[in-house]
Amino acid sequence: MGNSEVTYLFDPLCGWCYGATPMLDRLSVSGVHVELLPTGLFSGSGARPMDENFAAHAWANDQRIKRLTGQPFTQAYQRNVLNVRGTLLDSHAATLGISAAGLEDPRRRLAALKTIQRARYVDGSDVVTIGGVAEVLAAAGMVDAAEMLKASTETLLTAHRELVGRGRALFQRLHADGVPSLAVIRNDAPRLIGSNALFGSFDNLVAHIAAA
């Protein structure tokens, strides 16, 4: 695939991003350099209440993702996440945790993303508060990231704003219509790969990257 750089745009609370994780994981271990950039899609003004209508819509969509990708969405997730009223779909804390994990080594963003996704969709754990995300990261062995997240120093917050800013800028430049989105960047020119390529065969994904 030449000297291409692949950039993955995501939100940690996006069900389709969770569905794409196995393909992303396989791409990463195949030797392709993948940079993860969060877009902050469900944080700030993008956060929304977890009301009954949204929970029902999310669960129905999650079942489609499960059938297509094999990724599990458990009853614990439905009971402890979707069916708890008074909470928000707000990815700020989860995204900040990913920024903390990758502050010194950007390669750790993927491990943190997978940890947070599993905590939400399999274990039904809290990943919408700083304390909840810190507990999840610490339990996975990322104690340094957990402590950094709880402290939320200006160094971390500045790096986080820059990271999300880069993700949003690329998202807008690509005219992407949602996440997950994958871009191949050659000669500083990003080319959007259709998200469908993340949900087919691995060989098909590799072919799309090579052709971009």
C-alpha atoms as a PDB file:
ATOM      1  CA  MET A   1       0.000   0.000   0.000  1.00  0.00           C
ATOM      2  CA  GLY A   2       2.953   2.270  -0.501  1.00  0.00           C
ATOM      3  CA  ASN A   3       3.704   4.992   2.010  1.00  0.00           C
ATOM      4  CA  SER A   4       0.083   5.742   2.770  1.00  0.00           C
ATOM      5  CA  GLU A   5      -1.064   6.895   6.192  1.00  0.00           C
ATOM      6  CA  VAL A   6      -4.503   5.798   7.335  1.00  0.00           C
ATOM      7  CA  THR A   7      -6.490   7.989   9.693  1.00  0.00           C
ATOM      8  CA  TYR A   8      -9.515   6.684  11.566  1.00  0.00           C
ATOM      9  CA  LEU A   9     -12.172   9.178  12.691  1.00  0.00           C
ATOM     10  CA  PHE A  10     -14.398   7.970  15.513  1.00  0.00           C
ATOM     11  CA  ASP A  11     -16.398   8.629  18.638  1.00  0.00           C
ATOM     12  CA  PRO A  12     -16.030   6.138  21.527  1.00  0.00           C
ATOM     13  CA  LEU A  13     -19.806   6.065  22.120  1.00  0.00           C
ATOM     14  CA  CYS A  14     -20.650   5.366  18.478  1.00  0.00           C
ATOM     15  CA  GLY A  15     -22.067   1.862  18.089  1.00  0.00           C
ATOM     16  CA  TRP A  16     -20.910   1.575  14.491  1.00  0.00           C
ATOM     17  CA  CYS A  17     -17.376   2.521  15.572  1.00  0.00           C
ATOM     18  CA  TYR A  18     -17.546  -0.346  18.072  1.00  0.00           C
ATOM     19  CA  GLY A  19     -18.692  -2.598  15.245  1.00  0.00           C
ATOM     20  CA  ALA A  20     -15.719  -1.540  13.129  1.00  0.00           C
ATOM     21  CA  THR A  21     -13.147  -2.175  15.865  1.00  0.00           C
ATOM     22  CA  PRO A  22     -12.253  -5.766  14.879  1.00  0.00           C
ATOM     23  CA  MET A  23     -11.434  -4.609  11.348  1.00  0.00           C
ATOM     24  CA  LEU A  24      -9.487  -1.643  12.694  1.00  0.00           C
ATOM     25  CA  ASP A  25      -7.617  -3.944  15.061  1.00  0.00           C
ATOM     26  CA  ARG A  26      -6.750  -6.297  12.233  1.00  0.00           C
ATOM     27  CA  LEU A  27      -5.577  -3.407  10.082  1.00  0.00           C
ATOM     28  CA  SER A  28      -3.309  -2.167  12.870  1.00  0.00           C
ATOM     29  CA  VAL A  29      -1.661  -5.524  13.528  1.00  0.00           C
ATOM     30  CA  SER A  30      -1.117  -6.101   9.792  1.00  0.00           C
ATOM     31  CA  GLY A  31       1.573  -3.447   9.789  1.00  0.00           C
ATOM     32  CA  VAL A  32      -0.494  -0.562   8.416  1.00  0.00           C
ATOM     33  CA  HIS A  33       0.067   2.661  10.352  1.00  0.00           C
ATOM     34  CA  VAL A  34      -3.303   3.853  11.636  1.00  0.00           C
ATOM     35  CA  GLU A  35      -3.758   7.149  13.448  1.00  0.00           C
ATOM     36  CA  LEU A  36      -6.867   7.472  15.591  1.00  0.00           C
ATOM     37  CA  LEU A  37      -8.500  10.900  15.750  1.00  0.00           C
ATOM     38  CA  PRO A  38     -11.644  11.505  17.826  1.00  0.00           C
ATOM     39  CA  THR A  39     -14.207  13.929  16.402  1.00  0.00           C
ATOM     40  CA  GLY A  40     -16.090  14.728  19.620  1.00  0.00           C
ATOM     41  CA  LEU A  41     -19.340  13.929  17.789  1.00  0.00           C
ATOM     42  CA  PHE A  42     -21.286  13.078  20.948  1.00  0.00           C
ATOM     43  CA  SER A  43     -19.655  15.572  23.295  1.00  0.00           C
ATOM     44  CA  GLY A  44     -20.387  19.216  24.016  1.00  0.00           C
ATOM     45  CA  SER A  45     -23.338  20.326  21.906  1.00  0.00           C
ATOM     46  CA  GLY A  46     -23.509  16.796  20.477  1.00  0.00           C
ATOM     47  CA  ALA A  47     -24.407  15.223  23.847  1.00  0.00           C
ATOM     48  CA  ARG A  48     -28.020  14.212  24.350  1.00  0.00           C
ATOM     49  CA  PRO A  49     -30.269  12.782  27.079  1.00  0.00           C
ATOM     50  CA  MET A  50     -30.597   9.009  27.250  1.00  0.00           C
ATOM     51  CA  ASP A  51     -34.394   9.018  27.094  1.00  0.00           C
ATOM     52  CA  GLU A  52     -36.698   6.103  26.344  1.00  0.00           C
ATOM     53  CA  ASN A  53     -37.083   6.841  22.641  1.00  0.00           C
ATOM     54  CA  PHE A  54     -33.365   7.201  22.049  1.00  0.00           C
ATOM     55  CA  ALA A  55     -32.610   4.059  24.066  1.00  0.00           C
ATOM     56  CA  ALA A  56     -35.053   2.025  21.958  1.00  0.00           C
ATOM     57  CA  HIS A  57     -33.586   3.425  18.742  1.00  0.00           C
ATOM     58  CA  ALA A  58     -30.031   2.698  19.905  1.00  0.00           C
ATOM     59  CA  TRP A  59     -30.835  -0.890  20.922  1.00  0.00           C
ATOM     60  CA  ALA A  60     -32.484  -1.638  17.567  1.00  0.00           C
ATOM     61  CA  ASN A  61     -29.483  -0.183  15.754  1.00  0.00           C
ATOM     62  CA  ASP A  62     -27.109  -2.132  17.981  1.00  0.00           C
ATOM     63  CA  GLN A  63     -28.795  -5.378  16.975  1.00  0.00           C
ATOM     64  CA  ARG A  64     -28.111  -4.565  13.323  1.00  0.00           C
ATOM     65  CA  ILE A  65     -24.455  -3.949  14.161  1.00  0.00           C
ATOM     66  CA  LYS A  66     -24.298  -7.228  16.081  1.00  0.00           C
ATOM     67  CA  ARG A  67     -25.710  -9.193  13.148  1.00  0.00           C
ATOM     68  CA  LEU A  68     -23.312  -7.561  10.702  1.00  0.00           C
ATOM     69  CA  THR A  69     -20.105  -7.645  12.753  1.00  0.00           C
ATOM     70  CA  GLY A  70     -20.567 -10.208  15.511  1.00  0.00           C
ATOM     71  CA  GLN A  71     -19.728  -7.620  18.163  1.00  0.00           C
ATOM     72  CA  PRO A  72     -21.654  -8.322  21.400  1.00  0.00           C
ATOM     73  CA  PHE A  73     -24.182  -5.933  22.924  1.00  0.00           C
ATOM     74  CA  THR A  74     -25.193  -7.445  26.244  1.00  0.00           C
ATOM     75  CA  GLN A  75     -28.201  -7.282  28.522  1.00  0.00           C
ATOM     76  CA  ALA A  76     -25.935  -5.598  31.077  1.00  0.00           C
ATOM     77  CA  TYR A  77     -25.386  -2.786  28.577  1.00  0.00           C
ATOM     78  CA  GLN A  78     -29.105  -2.512  27.873  1.00  0.00           C
ATOM     79  CA  ARG A  79     -30.002  -2.553  31.572  1.00  0.00           C
ATOM     80  CA  ASN A  80     -27.214  -0.411  33.056  1.00  0.00           C
ATOM     81  CA  VAL A  81     -26.575   2.021  30.215  1.00  0.00           C
ATOM     82  CA  LEU A  82     -29.545   2.391  27.878  1.00  0.00           C
ATOM     83  CA  ASN A  83     -32.295   1.974  30.453  1.00  0.00           C
ATOM     84  CA  VAL A  84     -30.908   4.318  33.108  1.00  0.00           C
ATOM     85  CA  ARG A  85     -32.728   7.625  32.964  1.00  0.00           C
ATOM     86  CA  GLY A  86     -31.194  10.950  33.953  1.00  0.00           C
ATOM     87  CA  THR A  87     -27.921  10.183  32.177  1.00  0.00           C
ATOM     88  CA  LEU A  88     -26.469  11.539  28.964  1.00  0.00           C
ATOM     89  CA  LEU A  89     -24.991  10.134  25.813  1.00  0.00           C
ATOM     90  CA  ASP A  90     -21.875  12.242  26.303  1.00  0.00           C
ATOM     91  CA  SER A  91     -18.490  11.085  25.043  1.00  0.00           C
ATOM     92  CA  HIS A  92     -16.389  13.859  26.608  1.00  0.00           C
ATOM     93  CA  ALA A  93     -15.017  11.770  29.483  1.00  0.00           C
ATOM     94  CA  ALA A  94     -14.341   8.727  27.276  1.00  0.00           C
ATOM     95  CA  THR A  95     -12.612  10.827  24.633  1.00  0.00           C
ATOM     96  CA  LEU A  96     -10.543  12.624  27.254  1.00  0.00           C
ATOM     97  CA  GLY A  97      -9.514   9.235  28.638  1.00  0.00           C
ATOM     98  CA  ILE A  98      -8.331   8.174  25.191  1.00  0.00           C
ATOM     99  CA  SER A  99      -6.378  11.418  24.886  1.00  0.00           C
ATOM    100  CA  ALA A 100      -4.759  10.730  28.262  1.00  0.00           C
ATOM    101  CA  ALA A 101      -3.810   7.181  27.285  1.00  0.00           C
ATOM    102  CA  GLY A 102      -2.186   8.363  24.075  1.00  0.00           C
ATOM    103  CA  LEU A 103      -0.557  11.523  25.346  1.00  0.00           C
ATOM    104  CA  GLU A 104       2.941  10.039  25.416  1.00  0.00           C
ATOM    105  CA  ASP A 105       2.364   7.220  22.930  1.00  0.00           C
ATOM    106  CA  PRO A 106      -0.416   7.714  20.326  1.00  0.00           C
ATOM    107  CA  ARG A 107      -0.453   3.966  19.666  1.00  0.00           C
ATOM    108  CA  ARG A 108      -2.192   3.489  23.024  1.00  0.00           C
ATOM    109  CA  ARG A 109      -5.327   5.262  21.783  1.00  0.00           C
ATOM    110  CA  LEU A 110      -6.564   2.048  20.182  1.00  0.00           C
ATOM    111  CA  ALA A 111      -6.099   0.026  23.364  1.00  0.00           C
ATOM    112  CA  ALA A 112      -7.930   2.675  25.370  1.00  0.00           C
ATOM    113  CA  LEU A 113     -10.746   2.849  22.813  1.00  0.00           C
ATOM    114  CA  LYS A 114     -11.217  -0.925  22.885  1.00  0.00           C
ATOM    115  CA  THR A 115     -11.176  -0.934  26.686  1.00  0.00           C
ATOM    116  CA  ILE A 116     -13.831   1.769  26.896  1.00  0.00           C
ATOM    117  CA  GLN A 117     -16.009   0.153  24.237  1.00  0.00           C
ATOM    118  CA  ARG A 118     -15.907  -3.215  25.996  1.00  0.00           C
ATOM    119  CA  ALA A 119     -16.715  -1.591  29.323  1.00  0.00           C
ATOM    120  CA  ARG A 120     -19.810   0.038  27.820  1.00  0.00           C
ATOM    121  CA  TYR A 121     -21.200  -2.528  25.409  1.00  0.00           C
ATOM    122  CA  VAL A 122     -20.217  -5.763  27.187  1.00  0.00           C
ATOM    123  CA  ASP A 123     -19.856  -4.949  30.890  1.00  0.00           C
ATOM    124  CA  GLY A 124     -22.497  -2.211  31.013  1.00  0.00           C
ATOM    125  CA  SER A 125     -20.123   0.073  32.916  1.00  0.00           C
ATOM    126  CA  ASP A 126     -20.191   3.845  33.308  1.00  0.00           C
ATOM    127  CA  VAL A 127     -18.017   5.514  30.682  1.00  0.00           C
ATOM    128  CA  VAL A 128     -19.754   8.910  30.628  1.00  0.00           C
ATOM    129  CA  THR A 129     -18.163  10.309  33.793  1.00  0.00           C
ATOM    130  CA  ILE A 130     -14.525  11.052  34.557  1.00  0.00           C
ATOM    131  CA  GLY A 131     -14.597   8.729  37.565  1.00  0.00           C
ATOM    132  CA  GLY A 132     -16.171   5.910  35.596  1.00  0.00           C
ATOM    133  CA  VAL A 133     -13.693   6.116  32.726  1.00  0.00           C
ATOM    134  CA  ALA A 134     -10.758   6.390  35.131  1.00  0.00           C
ATOM    135  CA  GLU A 135     -11.903   3.222  36.911  1.00  0.00           C
ATOM    136  CA  VAL A 136     -12.218   1.358  33.604  1.00  0.00           C
ATOM    137  CA  LEU A 137      -8.755   2.434  32.434  1.00  0.00           C
ATOM    138  CA  ALA A 138      -7.130   1.581  35.771  1.00  0.00           C
ATOM    139  CA  ALA A 139      -8.715  -1.883  35.784  1.00  0.00           C
ATOM    140  CA  ALA A 140      -7.226  -2.473  32.330  1.00  0.00           C
ATOM    141  CA  GLY A 141      -3.731  -1.606  33.567  1.00  0.00           C
ATOM    142  CA  MET A 142      -3.639   1.961  32.249  1.00  0.00           C
ATOM    143  CA  VAL A 143      -3.202   3.444  35.711  1.00  0.00           C
ATOM    144  CA  ASP A 144      -1.142   6.374  34.472  1.00  0.00           C
ATOM    145  CA  ALA A 145      -3.883   7.396  32.059  1.00  0.00           C
ATOM    146  CA  ALA A 146      -6.504   7.000  34.799  1.00  0.00           C
ATOM    147  CA  GLU A 147      -4.587   9.253  37.187  1.00  0.00           C
ATOM    148  CA  MET A 148      -3.960  11.794  34.451  1.00  0.00           C
ATOM    149  CA  LEU A 149      -7.661  11.794  33.571  1.00  0.00           C
ATOM    150  CA  LYS A 150      -8.708  12.401  37.175  1.00  0.00           C
ATOM    151  CA  ALA A 151      -6.216  15.261  37.499  1.00  0.00           C
ATOM    152  CA  SER A 152      -7.243  16.744  34.122  1.00  0.00           C
ATOM    153  CA  THR A 153      -4.252  19.057  34.017  1.00  0.00           C
ATOM    154  CA  GLU A 154      -4.043  21.935  31.574  1.00  0.00           C
ATOM    155  CA  THR A 155      -1.413  19.951  29.662  1.00  0.00           C
ATOM    156  CA  LEU A 156      -3.907  17.136  29.061  1.00  0.00           C
ATOM    157  CA  LEU A 157      -6.819  19.465  28.307  1.00  0.00           C
ATOM    158  CA  THR A 158      -4.769  21.431  25.780  1.00  0.00           C
ATOM    159  CA  ALA A 159      -3.562  18.258  24.060  1.00  0.00           C
ATOM    160  CA  HIS A 160      -7.131  16.934  24.053  1.00  0.00           C
ATOM    161  CA  ARG A 161      -8.527  20.079  22.440  1.00  0.00           C
ATOM    162  CA  GLU A 162      -5.845  19.932  19.773  1.00  0.00           C
ATOM    163  CA  LEU A 163      -6.502  16.247  19.072  1.00  0.00           C
ATOM    164  CA  VAL A 164     -10.271  16.669  18.758  1.00  0.00           C
ATOM    165  CA  GLY A 165      -9.726  19.825  16.718  1.00  0.00           C
ATOM    166  CA  ARG A 166      -7.612  17.880  14.255  1.00  0.00           C
ATOM    167  CA  GLY A 167     -10.280  15.201  14.046  1.00  0.00           C
ATOM    168  CA  ARG A 168     -13.065  17.704  13.419  1.00  0.00           C
ATOM    169  CA  ALA A 169     -11.023  19.608  10.845  1.00  0.00           C
ATOM    170  CA  LEU A 170     -10.286  16.449   8.867  1.00  0.00           C
ATOM    171  CA  PHE A 171     -13.910  15.327   9.194  1.00  0.00           C
ATOM    172  CA  GLN A 172     -15.062  18.621   7.673  1.00  0.00           C
ATOM    173  CA  ARG A 173     -12.365  18.623   5.007  1.00  0.00           C
ATOM    174  CA  LEU A 174     -13.453  15.165   3.875  1.00  0.00           C
ATOM    175  CA  HIS A 175     -17.146  16.156   3.932  1.00  0.00           C
ATOM    176  CA  ALA A 176     -17.719  12.956   5.882  1.00  0.00           C
ATOM    177  CA  ASP A 177     -21.317  12.244   6.808  1.00  0.00           C
ATOM    178  CA  GLY A 178     -20.643  10.429  10.067  1.00  0.00           C
ATOM    179  CA  VAL A 179     -18.361   8.122  11.993  1.00  0.00           C
ATOM    180  CA  PRO A 180     -16.621   5.796  11.649  1.00  0.00           C
ATOM    181  CA  SER A 181     -14.739   7.333   8.738  1.00  0.00           C
ATOM    182  CA  LEU A 182     -11.434   6.217   7.306  1.00  0.00           C
ATOM    183  CA  ALA A 183      -9.087   8.356   5.248  1.00  0.00           C
ATOM    184  CA  VAL A 184      -5.935   7.594   3.324  1.00  0.00           C
ATOM    185  CA  ILE A 185      -3.505  10.506   3.300  1.00  0.00           C
ATOM    186  CA  ARG A 186      -0.900  10.722   0.577  1.00  0.00           C
ATOM    187  CA  ASN A 187       1.121  13.838  -0.174  1.00  0.00           C
ATOM    188  CA  ASP A 188      -0.941  15.734   2.427  1.00  0.00           C
ATOM    189  CA  ALA A 189      -4.121  15.003   0.448  1.00  0.00           C
ATOM    190  CA  PRO A 190      -6.741  13.000   2.405  1.00  0.00           C
ATOM    191  CA  ARG A 191      -9.051  10.677   0.507  1.00  0.00           C
ATOM    192  CA  LEU A 192     -12.186   9.345   2.155  1.00  0.00           C
ATOM    193  CA  ILE A 193     -12.842   5.608   2.066  1.00  0.00           C
ATOM    194  CA  GLY A 194     -16.503   4.639   2.309  1.00  0.00           C
ATOM    195  CA  SER A 195     -17.360   3.359   5.772  1.00  0.00           C
ATOM    196  CA  ASN A 196     -18.914   0.259   4.186  1.00  0.00           C
ATOM    197  CA  ALA A 197     -15.369  -0.975   3.575  1.00  0.00           C
ATOM    198  CA  LEU A 198     -14.988  -1.376   7.350  1.00  0.00           C
ATOM    199  CA  PHE A 199     -17.837  -3.880   7.426  1.00  0.00           C
ATOM    200  CA  GLY A 200     -16.887  -6.187   4.568  1.00  0.00           C
ATOM    201  CA  SER A 201     -13.916  -8.455   4.093  1.00  0.00           C
ATOM    202  CA  PHE A 202     -10.434  -7.474   5.196  1.00  0.00           C
ATOM    203  CA  ASP A 203      -9.091  -8.011   1.680  1.00  0.00           C
ATOM    204  CA  ASN A 204     -11.705  -5.593   0.372  1.00  0.00           C
ATOM    205  CA  LEU A 205     -10.659  -2.976   2.897  1.00  0.00           C
ATOM    206  CA  VAL A 206      -6.995  -3.379   1.953  1.00  0.00           C
ATOM    207  CA  ALA A 207      -7.931  -3.016  -1.723  1.00  0.00           C
ATOM    208  CA  HIS A 208      -9.795   0.228  -0.992  1.00  0.00           C
ATOM    209  CA  ILE A 209      -6.799   1.611   0.883  1.00  0.00           C
ATOM    210  CA  ALA A 210      -4.421   0.632  -1.905  1.00  0.00           C
ATOM    211  CA  ALA A 211      -6.655   2.225  -4.548  1.00  0.00           C
ATOM    212  CA  ALA A 212      -7.284   5.484  -2.696  1.00  0.00           C
END
